[in-house]
Structure formats: structure tokens, C-alpha cells
Amino acid sequence: MGKPLNYVISHIPHEGIQMANLTLSISDDIYKRMAKHPEYRWSEVARQAIKEKLDDAEMLSDLRAIKKAQKERKAGKTISHAQLVKKLGLENEL
């Protein structure tokens, strides 16, 4: 596993949203290739890629929680709907 990500809270919001700054290290080859395409906002590309990866990770976590709940139900362990909502962290979504 690599080093932990370092970030600081920006003082200037981006598109009306408070943002953290993240410094990435990339190879010289990738940097040179990126420089050939100034039409892209590379920070936005990175933002979108990170968001997509987080969305995938959160969905996987949800699916694992559902699978675990299904196994527990099969084993005769049941909980109320309210307890399930709380266990899945969905209190604010329902």
C-alpha cells in the first residue's frame, strides 16, 4: 500500500463547493502526454475518476452488507426494518 494521501482544505471554493487540495505524483511520460492535450481540465478528469471509484467502492460495501444480512436471515437471525436501516447507514436516505 502506498503513502496516505495528504490534503488541505482550500480557501477558495470551486464551483461553489469547498474543496480539498490533493497533490498527485505521475510519471514524466504521463505528464508529457497530458501536456499534448491542454483542451482537457486534468484536475476535473482526476476528480471524476476519484468520484467514480468511490461510488463503486460504496456500492460494493452496500452489496456486501446486503449479502451478510441475507445470510443472517437464512440462519434465522432477524432484525427490525428500523435496525436494518440503521445498520446499513441509510437513516438519512429514507
N, C-alpha and C. Protein backbone atom coordinates (compact mmCIF):
# COMPACT_ATOMS: atom_id res chain seq x y z
N MET A 1 0.84 -1.17 0.00
CA MET A 1 0.00 0.00 0.00
C MET A 1 0.88 1.23 0.00
N GLY A 2 0.48 2.25 -0.72
CA GLY A 2 1.26 3.48 -0.84
C GLY A 2 1.11 4.37 0.37
N LYS A 3 1.72 5.52 0.26
CA LYS A 3 1.65 6.51 1.33
C LYS A 3 0.23 7.04 1.41
N PRO A 4 -0.20 7.50 2.61
CA PRO A 4 -1.53 8.08 2.72
C PRO A 4 -1.60 9.38 1.92
N LEU A 5 -2.80 9.71 1.46
CA LEU A 5 -3.00 10.95 0.72
C LEU A 5 -2.97 12.13 1.69
N ASN A 6 -2.30 13.18 1.30
CA ASN A 6 -2.29 14.41 2.09
C ASN A 6 -3.20 15.42 1.43
N TYR A 7 -3.95 16.14 2.21
CA TYR A 7 -4.81 17.16 1.65
C TYR A 7 -4.97 18.32 2.62
N VAL A 8 -5.35 19.44 2.08
CA VAL A 8 -5.67 20.61 2.89
C VAL A 8 -6.96 21.19 2.35
N ILE A 9 -7.69 21.86 3.21
CA ILE A 9 -8.93 22.49 2.77
C ILE A 9 -8.57 23.79 2.06
N SER A 10 -9.13 23.97 0.88
CA SER A 10 -8.90 25.19 0.11
C SER A 10 -9.63 26.35 0.76
N HIS A 11 -9.11 27.52 0.53
CA HIS A 11 -9.80 28.72 0.99
C HIS A 11 -10.71 29.26 -0.09
N ILE A 12 -10.50 28.82 -1.32
CA ILE A 12 -11.31 29.30 -2.44
C ILE A 12 -12.18 28.15 -2.93
N PRO A 13 -13.50 28.28 -2.82
CA PRO A 13 -14.38 27.22 -3.29
C PRO A 13 -14.29 27.06 -4.81
N HIS A 14 -14.49 25.85 -5.29
CA HIS A 14 -14.52 25.55 -6.72
C HIS A 14 -15.97 25.28 -7.08
N GLU A 15 -16.50 26.03 -8.01
CA GLU A 15 -17.89 25.87 -8.44
C GLU A 15 -18.84 25.91 -7.25
N GLY A 16 -18.55 26.78 -6.28
CA GLY A 16 -19.42 26.96 -5.13
C GLY A 16 -19.30 25.88 -4.07
N ILE A 17 -18.35 24.99 -4.19
CA ILE A 17 -18.18 23.89 -3.25
C ILE A 17 -16.82 24.01 -2.59
N GLN A 18 -16.78 23.87 -1.26
CA GLN A 18 -15.50 23.87 -0.55
C GLN A 18 -14.72 22.65 -1.00
N MET A 19 -13.48 22.83 -1.39
CA MET A 19 -12.68 21.73 -1.93
C MET A 19 -11.40 21.53 -1.12
N ALA A 20 -10.94 20.29 -1.07
CA ALA A 20 -9.63 19.96 -0.51
C ALA A 20 -8.65 19.89 -1.67
N ASN A 21 -7.41 20.25 -1.42
CA ASN A 21 -6.37 20.13 -2.44
C ASN A 21 -5.70 18.77 -2.29
N LEU A 22 -5.38 18.15 -3.42
CA LEU A 22 -4.73 16.86 -3.44
C LEU A 22 -3.58 16.93 -4.43
N THR A 23 -2.40 16.54 -4.00
CA THR A 23 -1.24 16.55 -4.88
C THR A 23 -0.99 15.13 -5.35
N LEU A 24 -0.91 14.94 -6.67
CA LEU A 24 -0.66 13.63 -7.25
C LEU A 24 0.74 13.59 -7.84
N SER A 25 1.36 12.45 -7.78
CA SER A 25 2.63 12.23 -8.48
C SER A 25 2.34 11.35 -9.68
N ILE A 26 2.82 11.78 -10.83
CA ILE A 26 2.65 11.00 -12.06
C ILE A 26 4.01 10.91 -12.75
N SER A 27 4.15 9.92 -13.59
CA SER A 27 5.43 9.76 -14.28
C SER A 27 5.63 10.90 -15.28
N ASP A 28 6.88 11.15 -15.63
CA ASP A 28 7.20 12.18 -16.61
C ASP A 28 6.52 11.87 -17.95
N ASP A 29 6.46 10.59 -18.31
CA ASP A 29 5.84 10.20 -19.56
C ASP A 29 4.36 10.59 -19.60
N ILE A 30 3.65 10.30 -18.51
CA ILE A 30 2.23 10.67 -18.46
C ILE A 30 2.08 12.18 -18.51
N TYR A 31 2.94 12.90 -17.79
CA TYR A 31 2.87 14.36 -17.78
C TYR A 31 3.06 14.92 -19.19
N LYS A 32 4.03 14.39 -19.92
CA LYS A 32 4.28 14.86 -21.28
C LYS A 32 3.09 14.58 -22.19
N ARG A 33 2.48 13.41 -22.01
CA ARG A 33 1.31 13.07 -22.82
C ARG A 33 0.13 13.99 -22.49
N MET A 34 -0.04 14.30 -21.21
CA MET A 34 -1.10 15.21 -20.80
C MET A 34 -0.88 16.61 -21.38
N ALA A 35 0.37 17.04 -21.42
CA ALA A 35 0.71 18.37 -21.92
C ALA A 35 0.33 18.53 -23.39
N LYS A 36 0.25 17.44 -24.10
CA LYS A 36 -0.14 17.48 -25.52
C LYS A 36 -1.64 17.68 -25.69
N HIS A 37 -2.39 17.65 -24.59
CA HIS A 37 -3.85 17.79 -24.65
C HIS A 37 -4.33 18.86 -23.66
N PRO A 38 -3.97 20.12 -23.91
CA PRO A 38 -4.37 21.18 -22.98
C PRO A 38 -5.87 21.46 -23.00
N GLU A 39 -6.58 20.87 -23.94
CA GLU A 39 -8.03 21.08 -24.00
C GLU A 39 -8.76 20.40 -22.85
N TYR A 40 -8.08 19.48 -22.16
CA TYR A 40 -8.69 18.80 -21.01
C TYR A 40 -8.33 19.53 -19.73
N ARG A 41 -9.29 19.59 -18.83
CA ARG A 41 -9.02 20.09 -17.48
C ARG A 41 -8.66 18.86 -16.66
N TRP A 42 -7.38 18.58 -16.53
CA TRP A 42 -6.93 17.33 -15.94
C TRP A 42 -7.35 17.18 -14.49
N SER A 43 -7.46 18.29 -13.77
CA SER A 43 -7.93 18.18 -12.39
C SER A 43 -9.38 17.69 -12.36
N GLU A 44 -10.18 18.12 -13.33
CA GLU A 44 -11.57 17.65 -13.41
C GLU A 44 -11.61 16.18 -13.78
N VAL A 45 -10.74 15.75 -14.68
CA VAL A 45 -10.65 14.33 -15.06
C VAL A 45 -10.34 13.50 -13.81
N ALA A 46 -9.37 13.95 -13.02
CA ALA A 46 -8.99 13.23 -11.80
C ALA A 46 -10.14 13.23 -10.80
N ARG A 47 -10.82 14.38 -10.63
CA ARG A 47 -11.96 14.48 -9.72
C ARG A 47 -13.03 13.47 -10.08
N GLN A 48 -13.36 13.40 -11.37
CA GLN A 48 -14.40 12.48 -11.83
C GLN A 48 -13.98 11.02 -11.63
N ALA A 49 -12.72 10.71 -11.91
CA ALA A 49 -12.23 9.34 -11.74
C ALA A 49 -12.28 8.92 -10.26
N ILE A 50 -11.90 9.83 -9.38
CA ILE A 50 -11.94 9.53 -7.94
C ILE A 50 -13.38 9.33 -7.49
N LYS A 51 -14.28 10.20 -7.94
CA LYS A 51 -15.69 10.06 -7.57
C LYS A 51 -16.26 8.73 -8.05
N GLU A 52 -15.96 8.36 -9.29
CA GLU A 52 -16.46 7.08 -9.82
C GLU A 52 -15.93 5.91 -9.01
N LYS A 53 -14.66 5.95 -8.64
CA LYS A 53 -14.07 4.86 -7.85
C LYS A 53 -14.73 4.80 -6.47
N LEU A 54 -14.98 5.97 -5.86
CA LEU A 54 -15.66 5.99 -4.57
C LEU A 54 -17.09 5.46 -4.69
N ASP A 55 -17.80 5.85 -5.75
CA ASP A 55 -19.16 5.34 -5.97
C ASP A 55 -19.14 3.81 -6.07
N ASP A 56 -18.17 3.27 -6.82
CA ASP A 56 -18.04 1.82 -6.96
C ASP A 56 -17.76 1.17 -5.60
N ALA A 57 -16.84 1.75 -4.83
CA ALA A 57 -16.47 1.19 -3.53
C ALA A 57 -17.66 1.20 -2.57
N GLU A 58 -18.44 2.29 -2.59
CA GLU A 58 -19.60 2.38 -1.71
C GLU A 58 -20.67 1.38 -2.12
N MET A 59 -20.85 1.19 -3.42
CA MET A 59 -21.83 0.21 -3.88
C MET A 59 -21.39 -1.20 -3.46
N LEU A 60 -20.11 -1.50 -3.60
CA LEU A 60 -19.60 -2.80 -3.19
C LEU A 60 -19.82 -3.02 -1.69
N SER A 61 -19.60 -2.00 -0.89
CA SER A 61 -19.84 -2.09 0.55
C SER A 61 -21.31 -2.38 0.83
N ASP A 62 -22.19 -1.69 0.11
CA ASP A 62 -23.63 -1.92 0.28
C ASP A 62 -24.00 -3.35 -0.10
N LEU A 63 -23.45 -3.84 -1.21
CA LEU A 63 -23.75 -5.20 -1.65
C LEU A 63 -23.25 -6.23 -0.64
N ARG A 64 -22.09 -5.99 -0.06
CA ARG A 64 -21.56 -6.89 0.97
C ARG A 64 -22.47 -6.90 2.20
N ALA A 65 -22.97 -5.71 2.58
CA ALA A 65 -23.86 -5.62 3.74
C ALA A 65 -25.17 -6.36 3.46
N ILE A 66 -25.67 -6.26 2.24
CA ILE A 66 -26.91 -6.96 1.87
C ILE A 66 -26.68 -8.47 1.91
N LYS A 67 -25.55 -8.91 1.36
CA LYS A 67 -25.23 -10.34 1.35
C LYS A 67 -25.13 -10.86 2.78
N LYS A 68 -24.49 -10.10 3.65
CA LYS A 68 -24.36 -10.50 5.05
C LYS A 68 -25.73 -10.59 5.70
N ALA A 69 -26.59 -9.62 5.44
CA ALA A 69 -27.93 -9.62 6.01
C ALA A 69 -28.74 -10.82 5.50
N GLN A 70 -28.57 -11.15 4.21
CA GLN A 70 -29.27 -12.31 3.66
C GLN A 70 -28.82 -13.60 4.34
N LYS A 71 -27.51 -13.73 4.58
CA LYS A 71 -27.00 -14.92 5.27
C LYS A 71 -27.55 -15.00 6.69
N GLU A 72 -27.58 -13.86 7.37
CA GLU A 72 -28.10 -13.84 8.74
C GLU A 72 -29.58 -14.20 8.76
N ARG A 73 -30.32 -13.71 7.77
CA ARG A 73 -31.75 -14.03 7.69
C ARG A 73 -31.96 -15.52 7.47
N LYS A 74 -31.13 -16.09 6.56
CA LYS A 74 -31.21 -17.52 6.29
C LYS A 74 -30.92 -18.34 7.55
N ALA A 75 -30.01 -17.83 8.36
CA ALA A 75 -29.63 -18.52 9.60
C ALA A 75 -30.64 -18.29 10.72
N GLY A 76 -31.71 -17.56 10.44
CA GLY A 76 -32.74 -17.32 11.44
C GLY A 76 -32.54 -16.09 12.28
N LYS A 77 -31.49 -15.34 11.98
CA LYS A 77 -31.25 -14.09 12.71
C LYS A 77 -32.02 -12.98 11.99
N THR A 78 -32.98 -12.41 12.64
CA THR A 78 -33.74 -11.33 12.02
C THR A 78 -33.66 -10.08 12.88
N ILE A 79 -33.81 -8.94 12.21
CA ILE A 79 -33.85 -7.66 12.90
C ILE A 79 -34.98 -6.85 12.30
N SER A 80 -35.40 -5.83 13.00
CA SER A 80 -36.49 -4.99 12.50
C SER A 80 -36.01 -4.15 11.32
N HIS A 81 -36.96 -3.62 10.57
CA HIS A 81 -36.64 -2.75 9.45
C HIS A 81 -35.82 -1.56 9.92
N ALA A 82 -36.22 -0.96 11.04
CA ALA A 82 -35.51 0.21 11.57
C ALA A 82 -34.06 -0.14 11.92
N GLN A 83 -33.86 -1.32 12.51
CA GLN A 83 -32.50 -1.75 12.85
C GLN A 83 -31.67 -1.97 11.58
N LEU A 84 -32.29 -2.54 10.55
CA LEU A 84 -31.58 -2.76 9.28
C LEU A 84 -31.19 -1.45 8.64
N VAL A 85 -32.11 -0.49 8.62
CA VAL A 85 -31.82 0.83 8.05
C VAL A 85 -30.63 1.45 8.78
N LYS A 86 -30.64 1.36 10.11
CA LYS A 86 -29.54 1.93 10.89
C LYS A 86 -28.24 1.19 10.61
N LYS A 87 -28.29 -0.13 10.55
CA LYS A 87 -27.10 -0.95 10.32
C LYS A 87 -26.47 -0.64 8.96
N LEU A 88 -27.31 -0.36 7.97
CA LEU A 88 -26.81 -0.04 6.63
C LEU A 88 -26.46 1.43 6.46
N GLY A 89 -26.72 2.22 7.50
CA GLY A 89 -26.39 3.64 7.43
C GLY A 89 -27.28 4.43 6.49
N LEU A 90 -28.54 4.02 6.41
CA LEU A 90 -29.46 4.65 5.46
C LEU A 90 -30.47 5.57 6.13
N GLU A 91 -30.24 5.94 7.39
CA GLU A 91 -31.22 6.75 8.12
C GLU A 91 -31.59 8.03 7.37
N ASN A 92 -30.63 8.67 6.74
CA ASN A 92 -30.88 9.95 6.09
C ASN A 92 -31.37 9.81 4.67
N GLU A 93 -31.40 8.59 4.15
CA GLU A 93 -31.77 8.39 2.75
C GLU A 93 -33.22 7.95 2.58
N LEU A 94 -33.85 7.51 3.65
CA LEU A 94 -35.23 7.01 3.53
C LEU A 94 -36.21 8.02 4.07
